[in-house]
């Protein structure tokens, strides 16, 4: 395998795994915790406008995770997920230290870094973005 194939494989694997994790967290907010429960939890954690933030985050994580898996609007979705994770880091997890077992920020920091990587690199060759916007003369080529 040459570097191009390795890079394609790495970006695709990162995009799919990251998308799965975000989709699972979004699904959890809808189905396990419920939106009302997530709103209450966000409120107790001091998240501003919890009644708006909770459903917005749940939708972003579920739909954004699915979008990452498919590789559609990858840069935009990844950038929004970076903001989501930085909010979680600074509003909720920073005061608990590094380790997730103590409520710390290690997972949200890693998710933010992975999403940031995709926001910079784009979706890779194996993606709907590439199939839809990958032509050289496309005005939307920045998505690919």
C-alpha atoms as a PDB file:
ATOM      1  CA  UNK A   1       0.000   0.000   0.000  1.00  0.00           C
ATOM      2  CA  UNK A   2       1.266   3.433  -0.784  1.00  0.00           C
ATOM      3  CA  UNK A   3       0.826   6.451   1.482  1.00  0.00           C
ATOM      4  CA  UNK A   4      -2.290   7.582  -0.389  1.00  0.00           C
ATOM      5  CA  UNK A   5      -4.029   4.257   0.250  1.00  0.00           C
ATOM      6  CA  UNK A   6      -2.958   4.288   3.895  1.00  0.00           C
ATOM      7  CA  UNK A   7      -4.218   7.833   4.326  1.00  0.00           C
ATOM      8  CA  UNK A   8      -7.536   6.973   2.682  1.00  0.00           C
ATOM      9  CA  UNK A   9      -7.918   3.936   4.943  1.00  0.00           C
ATOM     10  CA  UNK A  10      -6.990   5.909   8.067  1.00  0.00           C
ATOM     11  CA  UNK A  11      -9.365   8.810   7.372  1.00  0.00           C
ATOM     12  CA  UNK A  12     -12.195   6.458   6.469  1.00  0.00           C
ATOM     13  CA  UNK A  13     -11.690   4.385   9.627  1.00  0.00           C
ATOM     14  CA  UNK A  14     -11.513   7.506  11.809  1.00  0.00           C
ATOM     15  CA  UNK A  15     -14.636   8.967  10.193  1.00  0.00           C
ATOM     16  CA  UNK A  16     -16.700   5.797  10.604  1.00  0.00           C
ATOM     17  CA  UNK A  17     -15.639   5.049  14.191  1.00  0.00           C
ATOM     18  CA  UNK A  18     -16.061   8.671  15.274  1.00  0.00           C
ATOM     19  CA  UNK A  19     -19.444   8.815  13.571  1.00  0.00           C
ATOM     20  CA  UNK A  20     -20.546   5.647  15.353  1.00  0.00           C
ATOM     21  CA  UNK A  21     -19.519   7.016  18.761  1.00  0.00           C
ATOM     22  CA  UNK A  22     -21.300  10.329  18.209  1.00  0.00           C
ATOM     23  CA  UNK A  23     -24.421   8.616  16.844  1.00  0.00           C
ATOM     24  CA  UNK A  24     -24.475   6.309  19.887  1.00  0.00           C
ATOM     25  CA  UNK A  25     -24.262   9.283  22.253  1.00  0.00           C
ATOM     26  CA  UNK A  26     -27.027  11.105  20.389  1.00  0.00           C
ATOM     27  CA  UNK A  27     -29.199   7.981  20.413  1.00  0.00           C
ATOM     28  CA  UNK A  28     -28.579   7.651  24.155  1.00  0.00           C
ATOM     29  CA  UNK A  29     -29.790  11.202  24.753  1.00  0.00           C
ATOM     30  CA  UNK A  30     -33.030  10.460  22.881  1.00  0.00           C
ATOM     31  CA  UNK A  31     -33.769   6.924  24.034  1.00  0.00           C
ATOM     32  CA  UNK A  32     -32.022   6.067  27.281  1.00  0.00           C
ATOM     33  CA  UNK A  33     -31.993   9.428  29.038  1.00  0.00           C
ATOM     34  CA  UNK A  34     -34.835  11.055  26.999  1.00  0.00           C
ATOM     35  CA  UNK A  35     -34.685  14.674  25.943  1.00  0.00           C
ATOM     36  CA  UNK A  36     -36.436  15.781  29.135  1.00  0.00           C
ATOM     37  CA  UNK A  37     -33.908  13.866  31.216  1.00  0.00           C
ATOM     38  CA  UNK A  38     -31.027  15.285  29.193  1.00  0.00           C
ATOM     39  CA  UNK A  39     -32.406  18.804  29.655  1.00  0.00           C
ATOM     40  CA  UNK A  40     -32.620  18.273  33.416  1.00  0.00           C
ATOM     41  CA  UNK A  41     -29.126  16.816  33.509  1.00  0.00           C
ATOM     42  CA  UNK A  42     -27.697  19.682  31.439  1.00  0.00           C
ATOM     43  CA  UNK A  43     -29.424  22.153  33.760  1.00  0.00           C
ATOM     44  CA  UNK A  44     -27.871  20.541  36.856  1.00  0.00           C
ATOM     45  CA  UNK A  45     -24.448  20.656  35.177  1.00  0.00           C
ATOM     46  CA  UNK A  46     -24.819  24.384  34.534  1.00  0.00           C
ATOM     47  CA  UNK A  47     -25.161  24.214  30.755  1.00  0.00           C
ATOM     48  CA  UNK A  48     -26.719  27.499  29.606  1.00  0.00           C
ATOM     49  CA  UNK A  49     -30.166  27.275  27.960  1.00  0.00           C
ATOM     50  CA  UNK A  50     -30.353  23.557  28.759  1.00  0.00           C
ATOM     51  CA  UNK A  51     -33.885  23.279  27.377  1.00  0.00           C
ATOM     52  CA  UNK A  52     -32.546  24.328  23.943  1.00  0.00           C
ATOM     53  CA  UNK A  53     -29.032  22.915  24.211  1.00  0.00           C
ATOM     54  CA  UNK A  54     -30.079  19.353  25.085  1.00  0.00           C
ATOM     55  CA  UNK A  55     -32.212  18.634  22.016  1.00  0.00           C
ATOM     56  CA  UNK A  56     -29.774  20.548  19.781  1.00  0.00           C
ATOM     57  CA  UNK A  57     -26.840  18.473  21.031  1.00  0.00           C
ATOM     58  CA  UNK A  58     -28.837  15.229  20.771  1.00  0.00           C
ATOM     59  CA  UNK A  59     -29.774  15.974  17.149  1.00  0.00           C
ATOM     60  CA  UNK A  60     -26.244  17.108  16.283  1.00  0.00           C
ATOM     61  CA  UNK A  61     -24.658  14.006  17.771  1.00  0.00           C
ATOM     62  CA  UNK A  62     -27.141  11.530  16.260  1.00  0.00           C
ATOM     63  CA  UNK A  63     -27.519  13.113  12.807  1.00  0.00           C
ATOM     64  CA  UNK A  64     -23.902  14.303  12.758  1.00  0.00           C
ATOM     65  CA  UNK A  65     -22.657  10.845  13.644  1.00  0.00           C
ATOM     66  CA  UNK A  66     -24.668   9.320  10.813  1.00  0.00           C
ATOM     67  CA  UNK A  67     -23.392  12.033   8.452  1.00  0.00           C
ATOM     68  CA  UNK A  68     -19.794  11.221   9.411  1.00  0.00           C
ATOM     69  CA  UNK A  69     -20.351   7.513   8.812  1.00  0.00           C
ATOM     70  CA  UNK A  70     -21.662   8.305   5.335  1.00  0.00           C
ATOM     71  CA  UNK A  71     -19.104  11.031   4.717  1.00  0.00           C
ATOM     72  CA  UNK A  72     -21.665  13.722   3.880  1.00  0.00           C
ATOM     73  CA  UNK A  73     -21.038  17.381   4.819  1.00  0.00           C
ATOM     74  CA  UNK A  74     -18.087  16.033   6.783  1.00  0.00           C
ATOM     75  CA  UNK A  75     -16.122  19.244   7.321  1.00  0.00           C
ATOM     76  CA  UNK A  76     -19.165  21.202   8.505  1.00  0.00           C
ATOM     77  CA  UNK A  77     -20.463  18.429  10.761  1.00  0.00           C
ATOM     78  CA  UNK A  78     -17.006  17.791  12.202  1.00  0.00           C
ATOM     79  CA  UNK A  79     -16.548  21.504  12.972  1.00  0.00           C
ATOM     80  CA  UNK A  80     -19.918  21.592  14.773  1.00  0.00           C
ATOM     81  CA  UNK A  81     -18.960  18.487  16.757  1.00  0.00           C
ATOM     82  CA  UNK A  82     -15.686  20.162  17.790  1.00  0.00           C
ATOM     83  CA  UNK A  83     -17.722  23.050  19.220  1.00  0.00           C
ATOM     84  CA  UNK A  84     -20.035  20.543  20.937  1.00  0.00           C
ATOM     85  CA  UNK A  85     -17.107  18.761  22.578  1.00  0.00           C
ATOM     86  CA  UNK A  86     -15.318  21.962  23.596  1.00  0.00           C
ATOM     87  CA  UNK A  87     -18.555  23.078  25.244  1.00  0.00           C
ATOM     88  CA  UNK A  88     -18.750  19.774  27.110  1.00  0.00           C
ATOM     89  CA  UNK A  89     -15.094  20.092  28.095  1.00  0.00           C
ATOM     90  CA  UNK A  90     -15.248  23.635  29.462  1.00  0.00           C
ATOM     91  CA  UNK A  91     -18.811  23.671  30.833  1.00  0.00           C
ATOM     92  CA  UNK A  92     -18.875  20.236  32.438  1.00  0.00           C
ATOM     93  CA  UNK A  93     -15.720  18.119  32.471  1.00  0.00           C
ATOM     94  CA  UNK A  94     -12.698  20.425  32.995  1.00  0.00           C
ATOM     95  CA  UNK A  95     -13.184  20.806  36.722  1.00  0.00           C
ATOM     96  CA  UNK A  96     -13.151  17.010  37.218  1.00  0.00           C
ATOM     97  CA  UNK A  97      -9.622  16.541  35.883  1.00  0.00           C
ATOM     98  CA  UNK A  98      -8.388  14.289  33.126  1.00  0.00           C
ATOM     99  CA  UNK A  99      -9.877  10.867  33.768  1.00  0.00           C
ATOM    100  CA  UNK A 100     -13.335   9.949  32.483  1.00  0.00           C
ATOM    101  CA  UNK A 101     -13.899   7.596  35.422  1.00  0.00           C
ATOM    102  CA  UNK A 102     -14.005  10.719  37.611  1.00  0.00           C
ATOM    103  CA  UNK A 103     -16.147  12.697  35.157  1.00  0.00           C
ATOM    104  CA  UNK A 104     -13.056  14.175  33.544  1.00  0.00           C
ATOM    105  CA  UNK A 105     -12.404  15.413  30.053  1.00  0.00           C
ATOM    106  CA  UNK A 106     -10.255  12.700  28.430  1.00  0.00           C
ATOM    107  CA  UNK A 107     -13.042  11.346  26.177  1.00  0.00           C
ATOM    108  CA  UNK A 108     -14.452  14.714  25.103  1.00  0.00           C
ATOM    109  CA  UNK A 109     -10.939  16.009  24.376  1.00  0.00           C
ATOM    110  CA  UNK A 110     -10.166  12.973  22.235  1.00  0.00           C
ATOM    111  CA  UNK A 111     -13.498  13.282  20.399  1.00  0.00           C
ATOM    112  CA  UNK A 112     -12.833  16.995  19.805  1.00  0.00           C
ATOM    113  CA  UNK A 113      -9.346  16.246  18.436  1.00  0.00           C
ATOM    114  CA  UNK A 114     -10.670  13.514  16.131  1.00  0.00           C
ATOM    115  CA  UNK A 115     -13.468  15.768  14.853  1.00  0.00           C
ATOM    116  CA  UNK A 116     -10.946  18.600  14.368  1.00  0.00           C
ATOM    117  CA  UNK A 117      -8.798  16.251  12.286  1.00  0.00           C
ATOM    118  CA  UNK A 118     -11.755  15.481  10.001  1.00  0.00           C
ATOM    119  CA  UNK A 119     -12.704  19.161   9.775  1.00  0.00           C
ATOM    120  CA  UNK A 120      -9.183  19.826   8.468  1.00  0.00           C
ATOM    121  CA  UNK A 121      -8.654  16.768   6.263  1.00  0.00           C
ATOM    122  CA  UNK A 122     -12.168  16.319   4.940  1.00  0.00           C
ATOM    123  CA  UNK A 123     -13.916  12.996   4.475  1.00  0.00           C
ATOM    124  CA  UNK A 124     -11.374  11.171   2.339  1.00  0.00           C
ATOM    125  CA  UNK A 125     -11.895   9.408  -0.953  1.00  0.00           C
ATOM    126  CA  UNK A 126     -14.470   6.890   0.256  1.00  0.00           C
ATOM    127  CA  UNK A 127     -17.328   9.261   1.038  1.00  0.00           C
ATOM    128  CA  UNK A 128     -20.539  10.716  -0.287  1.00  0.00           C
ATOM    129  CA  UNK A 129     -18.902  14.150  -0.204  1.00  0.00           C
ATOM    130  CA  UNK A 130     -16.281  12.927  -2.673  1.00  0.00           C
ATOM    131  CA  UNK A 131     -18.933  11.289  -4.883  1.00  0.00           C
ATOM    132  CA  UNK A 132     -21.184  14.356  -4.874  1.00  0.00           C
ATOM    133  CA  UNK A 133     -18.710  17.231  -4.786  1.00  0.00           C
ATOM    134  CA  UNK A 134     -15.386  15.745  -5.892  1.00  0.00           C
ATOM    135  CA  UNK A 135     -15.299  17.048  -9.461  1.00  0.00           C
ATOM    136  CA  UNK A 136     -12.506  19.524 -10.006  1.00  0.00           C
ATOM    137  CA  UNK A 137     -14.835  22.132 -11.493  1.00  0.00           C
ATOM    138  CA  UNK A 138     -17.463  21.787  -8.762  1.00  0.00           C
ATOM    139  CA  UNK A 139     -18.255  24.948  -6.805  1.00  0.00           C
ATOM    140  CA  UNK A 140     -18.713  22.725  -3.759  1.00  0.00           C
ATOM    141  CA  UNK A 141     -15.353  20.957  -4.118  1.00  0.00           C
ATOM    142  CA  UNK A 142     -14.308  22.253  -0.686  1.00  0.00           C
ATOM    143  CA  UNK A 143     -16.680  19.668   0.817  1.00  0.00           C
ATOM    144  CA  UNK A 144     -14.771  16.849  -0.869  1.00  0.00           C
END
